[in-house]
Amino acid sequence: MTEEPVLVFDGDCGFCTTSIRFAERRIGVRARVVPWQFADLRALGVTRERAEREVLWVEDGRVYGGAQAVARLLIAAGLPWSPLGFVLRIPPFRWVARGVYRLVAANRHRLPGGTPACALPSKPSNSGPAVSEHR
C-alpha cells in the first residue's frame, strides 16, 4: 500500500499560498498539502534549501521539484488535467516548463499576491542550480 502523496510549498510566500489555494479549488489536489515550515522534511527526504526554492511533490519515496512537481499534481488530479501533466513530462515541453517555472520562482515576489517575503533566498556560493528538478 502506498502512502498519500505530499505537496510541499513555501507557506511564508503569499504567491505560493495563493497558487496552492487556487489549485485546491480549481484543479483538485489529491495529496496532503503542507507548508515546508510545518513539514517533517527529513522524513520526506527533502532538504530545507530545496523546499525554500521550489514546490515539491513527494510520492512513494521519490521527490519531484519545480515544474515536475506541478506535472505530478496535474496527473494525480485526473481528467481533464492529467493529459497536460503527462505532456509536461516529455521533452521539449519539459524543458519549456522548467524554464517557465524558474522564471516564475525567481520573480514570485513581484507577482500578484507576492510580497518581499516571497523572494527566493540567495544562492550559496558553492551550491548547484537554485532550482533543481528530479530527473
N, C-alpha and C. Protein backbone atom coordinates (compact mmCIF):
# COMPACT_ATOMS: atom_id res chain seq x y z
N MET A 1 0.83 -1.19 0.00
CA MET A 1 0.00 0.00 0.00
C MET A 1 0.87 1.25 0.00
N THR A 2 0.58 2.18 -0.86
CA THR A 2 1.37 3.40 -0.93
C THR A 2 0.72 4.48 -0.09
N GLU A 3 1.56 5.36 0.42
CA GLU A 3 1.05 6.49 1.20
C GLU A 3 0.56 7.58 0.27
N GLU A 4 -0.26 8.45 0.83
CA GLU A 4 -0.76 9.60 0.09
C GLU A 4 0.40 10.50 -0.29
N PRO A 5 0.42 11.02 -1.53
CA PRO A 5 1.47 11.96 -1.91
C PRO A 5 1.42 13.21 -1.03
N VAL A 6 2.55 13.90 -0.95
CA VAL A 6 2.64 15.13 -0.17
C VAL A 6 3.09 16.25 -1.10
N LEU A 7 2.38 17.36 -1.06
CA LEU A 7 2.73 18.56 -1.81
C LEU A 7 3.29 19.56 -0.81
N VAL A 8 4.55 19.93 -0.96
CA VAL A 8 5.24 20.83 -0.05
C VAL A 8 5.45 22.17 -0.75
N PHE A 9 5.08 23.25 -0.07
CA PHE A 9 5.22 24.58 -0.65
C PHE A 9 5.70 25.56 0.41
N ASP A 10 6.03 26.78 -0.02
CA ASP A 10 6.51 27.81 0.90
C ASP A 10 5.31 28.54 1.51
N GLY A 11 5.01 28.23 2.75
CA GLY A 11 3.87 28.82 3.44
C GLY A 11 4.05 30.28 3.81
N ASP A 12 5.28 30.79 3.73
CA ASP A 12 5.52 32.21 4.01
C ASP A 12 5.35 33.08 2.78
N CYS A 13 5.22 32.46 1.63
CA CYS A 13 5.11 33.20 0.37
C CYS A 13 3.64 33.36 -0.01
N GLY A 14 3.20 34.61 -0.10
CA GLY A 14 1.81 34.87 -0.48
C GLY A 14 1.46 34.35 -1.85
N PHE A 15 2.37 34.49 -2.82
CA PHE A 15 2.12 33.99 -4.17
C PHE A 15 1.97 32.47 -4.17
N CYS A 16 2.87 31.79 -3.44
CA CYS A 16 2.81 30.32 -3.37
C CYS A 16 1.52 29.85 -2.71
N THR A 17 1.16 30.50 -1.61
CA THR A 17 -0.06 30.13 -0.89
C THR A 17 -1.28 30.36 -1.77
N THR A 18 -1.32 31.49 -2.47
CA THR A 18 -2.44 31.78 -3.37
C THR A 18 -2.50 30.74 -4.49
N SER A 19 -1.36 30.37 -5.03
CA SER A 19 -1.31 29.37 -6.11
C SER A 19 -1.80 28.01 -5.63
N ILE A 20 -1.40 27.61 -4.43
CA ILE A 20 -1.83 26.32 -3.88
C ILE A 20 -3.34 26.34 -3.64
N ARG A 21 -3.84 27.41 -3.07
CA ARG A 21 -5.29 27.50 -2.81
C ARG A 21 -6.08 27.46 -4.13
N PHE A 22 -5.57 28.12 -5.17
CA PHE A 22 -6.19 28.07 -6.49
C PHE A 22 -6.21 26.62 -7.00
N ALA A 23 -5.08 25.94 -6.88
CA ALA A 23 -5.00 24.54 -7.33
C ALA A 23 -5.98 23.65 -6.55
N GLU A 24 -6.11 23.90 -5.26
CA GLU A 24 -7.05 23.10 -4.46
C GLU A 24 -8.49 23.32 -4.93
N ARG A 25 -8.83 24.58 -5.23
CA ARG A 25 -10.20 24.90 -5.63
C ARG A 25 -10.51 24.49 -7.07
N ARG A 26 -9.62 24.78 -7.99
CA ARG A 26 -9.90 24.63 -9.41
C ARG A 26 -9.42 23.32 -10.03
N ILE A 27 -8.33 22.79 -9.54
CA ILE A 27 -7.76 21.59 -10.14
C ILE A 27 -8.11 20.36 -9.30
N GLY A 28 -8.07 20.52 -8.00
CA GLY A 28 -8.30 19.39 -7.11
C GLY A 28 -6.97 18.71 -6.81
N VAL A 29 -6.42 19.01 -5.67
CA VAL A 29 -5.13 18.45 -5.28
C VAL A 29 -5.39 17.16 -4.53
N ARG A 30 -4.89 16.07 -5.07
CA ARG A 30 -5.05 14.76 -4.43
C ARG A 30 -3.76 14.39 -3.72
N ALA A 31 -3.49 15.16 -2.68
CA ALA A 31 -2.28 14.97 -1.89
C ALA A 31 -2.48 15.69 -0.57
N ARG A 32 -1.64 15.35 0.38
CA ARG A 32 -1.60 16.11 1.63
C ARG A 32 -0.77 17.35 1.34
N VAL A 33 -1.34 18.52 1.54
CA VAL A 33 -0.67 19.79 1.25
C VAL A 33 -0.13 20.36 2.55
N VAL A 34 1.16 20.67 2.55
CA VAL A 34 1.78 21.16 3.78
C VAL A 34 2.86 22.20 3.45
N PRO A 35 2.84 23.33 4.18
CA PRO A 35 3.94 24.28 4.03
C PRO A 35 5.24 23.63 4.53
N TRP A 36 6.35 23.91 3.87
CA TRP A 36 7.59 23.27 4.29
C TRP A 36 7.94 23.65 5.72
N GLN A 37 7.49 24.81 6.17
CA GLN A 37 7.79 25.26 7.52
C GLN A 37 7.18 24.35 8.59
N PHE A 38 6.16 23.58 8.23
CA PHE A 38 5.50 22.67 9.17
C PHE A 38 5.65 21.21 8.78
N ALA A 39 6.45 20.94 7.77
CA ALA A 39 6.64 19.56 7.29
C ALA A 39 7.83 18.91 8.00
N ASP A 40 7.77 17.61 8.11
CA ASP A 40 8.92 16.84 8.60
C ASP A 40 9.78 16.55 7.37
N LEU A 41 10.63 17.51 7.04
CA LEU A 41 11.41 17.43 5.80
C LEU A 41 12.32 16.21 5.78
N ARG A 42 12.91 15.91 6.90
CA ARG A 42 13.80 14.74 6.96
C ARG A 42 13.05 13.46 6.60
N ALA A 43 11.85 13.30 7.16
CA ALA A 43 11.05 12.10 6.86
C ALA A 43 10.65 12.04 5.39
N LEU A 44 10.50 13.21 4.77
CA LEU A 44 10.13 13.27 3.36
C LEU A 44 11.35 13.11 2.44
N GLY A 45 12.55 13.18 3.00
CA GLY A 45 13.75 13.07 2.19
C GLY A 45 14.08 14.35 1.45
N VAL A 46 13.75 15.49 2.08
CA VAL A 46 13.90 16.80 1.44
C VAL A 46 14.76 17.69 2.32
N THR A 47 15.62 18.50 1.70
CA THR A 47 16.40 19.47 2.46
C THR A 47 15.62 20.78 2.56
N ARG A 48 15.93 21.53 3.58
CA ARG A 48 15.29 22.84 3.75
C ARG A 48 15.62 23.74 2.56
N GLU A 49 16.86 23.70 2.11
CA GLU A 49 17.28 24.54 0.99
C GLU A 49 16.44 24.26 -0.26
N ARG A 50 16.17 23.01 -0.52
CA ARG A 50 15.36 22.68 -1.70
C ARG A 50 13.92 23.12 -1.50
N ALA A 51 13.38 22.90 -0.31
CA ALA A 51 11.99 23.29 -0.03
C ALA A 51 11.80 24.80 -0.10
N GLU A 52 12.83 25.56 0.22
CA GLU A 52 12.75 27.03 0.14
C GLU A 52 12.68 27.51 -1.30
N ARG A 53 13.20 26.73 -2.23
CA ARG A 53 13.38 27.17 -3.61
C ARG A 53 12.32 26.68 -4.60
N GLU A 54 11.62 25.60 -4.27
CA GLU A 54 10.68 25.05 -5.25
C GLU A 54 9.57 24.26 -4.57
N VAL A 55 8.44 24.19 -5.26
CA VAL A 55 7.35 23.35 -4.79
C VAL A 55 7.80 21.90 -5.00
N LEU A 56 7.39 21.02 -4.08
CA LEU A 56 7.83 19.63 -4.14
C LEU A 56 6.64 18.69 -4.08
N TRP A 57 6.72 17.62 -4.84
CA TRP A 57 5.74 16.54 -4.81
C TRP A 57 6.49 15.30 -4.37
N VAL A 58 6.11 14.73 -3.23
CA VAL A 58 6.77 13.55 -2.68
C VAL A 58 5.80 12.39 -2.75
N GLU A 59 6.23 11.33 -3.45
CA GLU A 59 5.35 10.18 -3.65
C GLU A 59 6.18 8.91 -3.73
N ASP A 60 5.81 7.92 -2.95
CA ASP A 60 6.49 6.63 -2.96
C ASP A 60 8.00 6.76 -2.80
N GLY A 61 8.42 7.67 -1.91
CA GLY A 61 9.84 7.84 -1.64
C GLY A 61 10.60 8.65 -2.67
N ARG A 62 9.93 9.13 -3.70
CA ARG A 62 10.58 9.95 -4.74
C ARG A 62 10.15 11.39 -4.59
N VAL A 63 11.08 12.30 -4.87
CA VAL A 63 10.82 13.73 -4.74
C VAL A 63 10.93 14.37 -6.12
N TYR A 64 9.87 15.08 -6.50
CA TYR A 64 9.84 15.80 -7.77
C TYR A 64 9.74 17.28 -7.42
N GLY A 65 10.54 18.10 -8.08
CA GLY A 65 10.55 19.52 -7.77
C GLY A 65 10.21 20.39 -8.94
N GLY A 66 9.76 21.60 -8.63
CA GLY A 66 9.51 22.60 -9.65
C GLY A 66 8.42 22.19 -10.63
N ALA A 67 8.72 22.33 -11.91
CA ALA A 67 7.74 22.03 -12.95
C ALA A 67 7.31 20.57 -12.93
N GLN A 68 8.20 19.68 -12.54
CA GLN A 68 7.83 18.27 -12.50
C GLN A 68 6.91 17.97 -11.31
N ALA A 69 7.00 18.75 -10.25
CA ALA A 69 6.04 18.63 -9.15
C ALA A 69 4.67 19.07 -9.63
N VAL A 70 4.63 20.14 -10.40
CA VAL A 70 3.36 20.62 -10.97
C VAL A 70 2.79 19.56 -11.91
N ALA A 71 3.64 18.95 -12.73
CA ALA A 71 3.19 17.90 -13.64
C ALA A 71 2.57 16.75 -12.85
N ARG A 72 3.21 16.34 -11.77
CA ARG A 72 2.68 15.24 -10.95
C ARG A 72 1.34 15.62 -10.30
N LEU A 73 1.22 16.86 -9.86
CA LEU A 73 -0.04 17.34 -9.29
C LEU A 73 -1.15 17.23 -10.33
N LEU A 74 -0.87 17.65 -11.57
CA LEU A 74 -1.87 17.59 -12.64
C LEU A 74 -2.24 16.15 -12.98
N ILE A 75 -1.26 15.27 -13.03
CA ILE A 75 -1.53 13.86 -13.33
C ILE A 75 -2.42 13.26 -12.25
N ALA A 76 -2.09 13.53 -11.00
CA ALA A 76 -2.87 12.98 -9.89
C ALA A 76 -4.29 13.53 -9.85
N ALA A 77 -4.49 14.74 -10.39
CA ALA A 77 -5.82 15.37 -10.37
C ALA A 77 -6.81 14.65 -11.28
N GLY A 78 -6.31 13.89 -12.23
CA GLY A 78 -7.20 13.19 -13.15
C GLY A 78 -7.70 14.12 -14.25
N LEU A 79 -8.66 13.61 -15.00
CA LEU A 79 -9.20 14.39 -16.13
C LEU A 79 -9.92 15.62 -15.64
N PRO A 80 -9.82 16.72 -16.33
CA PRO A 80 -9.17 16.97 -17.62
C PRO A 80 -7.70 17.37 -17.50
N TRP A 81 -7.13 17.36 -16.30
CA TRP A 81 -5.79 17.90 -16.06
C TRP A 81 -4.66 16.93 -16.37
N SER A 82 -4.90 15.64 -16.22
CA SER A 82 -3.81 14.67 -16.35
C SER A 82 -3.10 14.69 -17.71
N PRO A 83 -3.81 14.86 -18.83
CA PRO A 83 -3.05 14.91 -20.10
C PRO A 83 -2.01 16.04 -20.13
N LEU A 84 -2.36 17.19 -19.58
CA LEU A 84 -1.39 18.29 -19.52
C LEU A 84 -0.20 17.90 -18.66
N GLY A 85 -0.45 17.24 -17.55
CA GLY A 85 0.65 16.78 -16.69
C GLY A 85 1.57 15.81 -17.41
N PHE A 86 1.00 14.88 -18.19
CA PHE A 86 1.84 13.95 -18.95
C PHE A 86 2.66 14.68 -20.02
N VAL A 87 2.05 15.67 -20.67
CA VAL A 87 2.78 16.45 -21.68
C VAL A 87 3.95 17.18 -21.05
N LEU A 88 3.77 17.72 -19.85
CA LEU A 88 4.85 18.45 -19.18
C LEU A 88 6.03 17.57 -18.79
N ARG A 89 5.87 16.27 -18.91
CA ARG A 89 6.95 15.34 -18.56
C ARG A 89 7.85 14.98 -19.73
N ILE A 90 7.44 15.33 -20.95
CA ILE A 90 8.22 14.92 -22.11
C ILE A 90 8.91 16.11 -22.79
N PRO A 91 10.17 15.89 -23.23
CA PRO A 91 10.85 16.94 -23.97
C PRO A 91 10.13 17.18 -25.30
N PRO A 92 10.10 18.36 -25.80
CA PRO A 92 10.69 19.61 -25.33
C PRO A 92 9.80 20.37 -24.36
N PHE A 93 8.58 19.88 -24.13
CA PHE A 93 7.66 20.57 -23.22
C PHE A 93 8.22 20.62 -21.81
N ARG A 94 8.90 19.57 -21.41
CA ARG A 94 9.52 19.51 -20.08
C ARG A 94 10.52 20.66 -19.92
N TRP A 95 11.31 20.90 -20.96
CA TRP A 95 12.34 21.94 -20.90
C TRP A 95 11.69 23.32 -20.81
N VAL A 96 10.65 23.51 -21.58
CA VAL A 96 9.94 24.80 -21.56
C VAL A 96 9.31 25.01 -20.18
N ALA A 97 8.65 23.97 -19.66
CA ALA A 97 8.02 24.07 -18.34
C ALA A 97 9.05 24.39 -17.27
N ARG A 98 10.22 23.78 -17.37
CA ARG A 98 11.28 24.03 -16.40
C ARG A 98 11.71 25.50 -16.45
N GLY A 99 11.89 26.04 -17.65
CA GLY A 99 12.28 27.44 -17.80
C GLY A 99 11.22 28.39 -17.29
N VAL A 100 9.96 28.10 -17.59
CA VAL A 100 8.86 28.95 -17.11
C VAL A 100 8.79 28.88 -15.59
N TYR A 101 8.92 27.68 -15.03
CA TYR A 101 8.89 27.55 -13.57
C TYR A 101 10.00 28.37 -12.93
N ARG A 102 11.20 28.27 -13.47
CA ARG A 102 12.33 29.02 -12.91
C ARG A 102 12.09 30.53 -12.98
N LEU A 103 11.53 30.98 -14.09
CA LEU A 103 11.23 32.41 -14.25
C LEU A 103 10.21 32.87 -13.22
N VAL A 104 9.14 32.09 -13.05
CA VAL A 104 8.11 32.43 -12.07
C VAL A 104 8.70 32.39 -10.66
N ALA A 105 9.44 31.34 -10.34
CA ALA A 105 10.02 31.21 -8.99
C ALA A 105 10.95 32.37 -8.67
N ALA A 106 11.75 32.78 -9.64
CA ALA A 106 12.70 33.87 -9.41
C ALA A 106 12.00 35.22 -9.23
N ASN A 107 10.78 35.32 -9.72
CA ASN A 107 10.05 36.59 -9.67
C ASN A 107 8.76 36.52 -8.85
N ARG A 108 8.60 35.50 -8.05
CA ARG A 108 7.34 35.32 -7.32
C ARG A 108 7.03 36.48 -6.38
N HIS A 109 8.04 37.17 -5.90
CA HIS A 109 7.81 38.34 -5.03
C HIS A 109 7.24 39.52 -5.81
N ARG A 110 7.32 39.48 -7.13
CA ARG A 110 6.80 40.55 -7.98
C ARG A 110 5.42 40.23 -8.54
N LEU A 111 4.96 39.01 -8.39
CA LEU A 111 3.70 38.55 -8.98
C LEU A 111 2.52 38.82 -8.04
N PRO A 112 1.29 38.77 -8.57
CA PRO A 112 0.11 39.03 -7.72
C PRO A 112 0.11 38.15 -6.47
N GLY A 113 -0.09 38.79 -5.34
CA GLY A 113 -0.08 38.08 -4.06
C GLY A 113 1.30 38.01 -3.44
N GLY A 114 2.32 38.32 -4.22
CA GLY A 114 3.69 38.25 -3.74
C GLY A 114 4.05 39.43 -2.84
N THR A 115 4.96 39.19 -1.95
CA THR A 115 5.49 40.21 -1.05
C THR A 115 7.02 40.05 -1.02
N PRO A 116 7.73 40.98 -0.40
CA PRO A 116 9.18 40.79 -0.28
C PRO A 116 9.56 39.47 0.40
N ALA A 117 8.70 38.95 1.27
CA ALA A 117 8.98 37.67 1.93
C ALA A 117 8.98 36.51 0.94
N CYS A 118 8.42 36.71 -0.24
CA CYS A 118 8.34 35.66 -1.25
C CYS A 118 9.65 35.49 -2.02
N ALA A 119 10.56 36.44 -1.94
CA ALA A 119 11.80 36.37 -2.71
C ALA A 119 12.57 35.12 -2.32
N LEU A 120 13.15 34.48 -3.32
CA LEU A 120 13.96 33.30 -3.06
C LEU A 120 15.19 33.68 -2.25
N PRO A 121 15.65 32.79 -1.38
CA PRO A 121 16.88 33.08 -0.64
C PRO A 121 18.06 33.15 -1.60
N SER A 122 19.10 33.86 -1.19
CA SER A 122 20.31 33.95 -2.01
C SER A 122 20.92 32.58 -2.17
N LYS A 123 21.50 32.36 -3.35
CA LYS A 123 22.18 31.09 -3.61
C LYS A 123 23.47 31.02 -2.82
N PRO A 124 23.72 29.88 -2.14
CA PRO A 124 25.03 29.69 -1.52
C PRO A 124 26.08 29.66 -2.62
N SER A 125 27.27 30.17 -2.35
CA SER A 125 28.29 30.29 -3.38
C SER A 125 28.80 28.96 -3.89
N ASN A 126 28.72 27.89 -3.11
CA ASN A 126 29.27 26.61 -3.56
C ASN A 126 28.19 25.59 -3.89
N SER A 127 26.97 26.02 -4.16
CA SER A 127 25.90 25.07 -4.45
C SER A 127 25.64 24.99 -5.93
N GLY A 128 24.79 24.06 -6.29
CA GLY A 128 24.38 23.88 -7.68
C GLY A 128 23.31 24.87 -8.05
N PRO A 129 22.50 24.54 -9.05
CA PRO A 129 21.46 25.45 -9.51
C PRO A 129 20.46 25.78 -8.41
N ALA A 130 19.89 26.98 -8.47
CA ALA A 130 18.94 27.43 -7.46
C ALA A 130 17.70 26.57 -7.46
N VAL A 131 17.25 26.13 -8.60
CA VAL A 131 16.04 25.32 -8.70
C VAL A 131 16.42 24.04 -9.41
N SER A 132 16.23 22.92 -8.73
CA SER A 132 16.56 21.64 -9.35
C SER A 132 15.30 20.82 -9.49
N GLU A 133 15.36 19.90 -10.41
CA GLU A 133 14.24 19.00 -10.64
C GLU A 133 14.73 17.58 -10.63
N HIS A 134 13.91 16.68 -10.14
CA HIS A 134 14.22 15.26 -10.16
C HIS A 134 14.19 14.78 -11.60
N ARG A 135 15.12 14.01 -11.97
CA ARG A 135 15.16 13.51 -13.36
C ARG A 135 14.76 12.06 -13.39
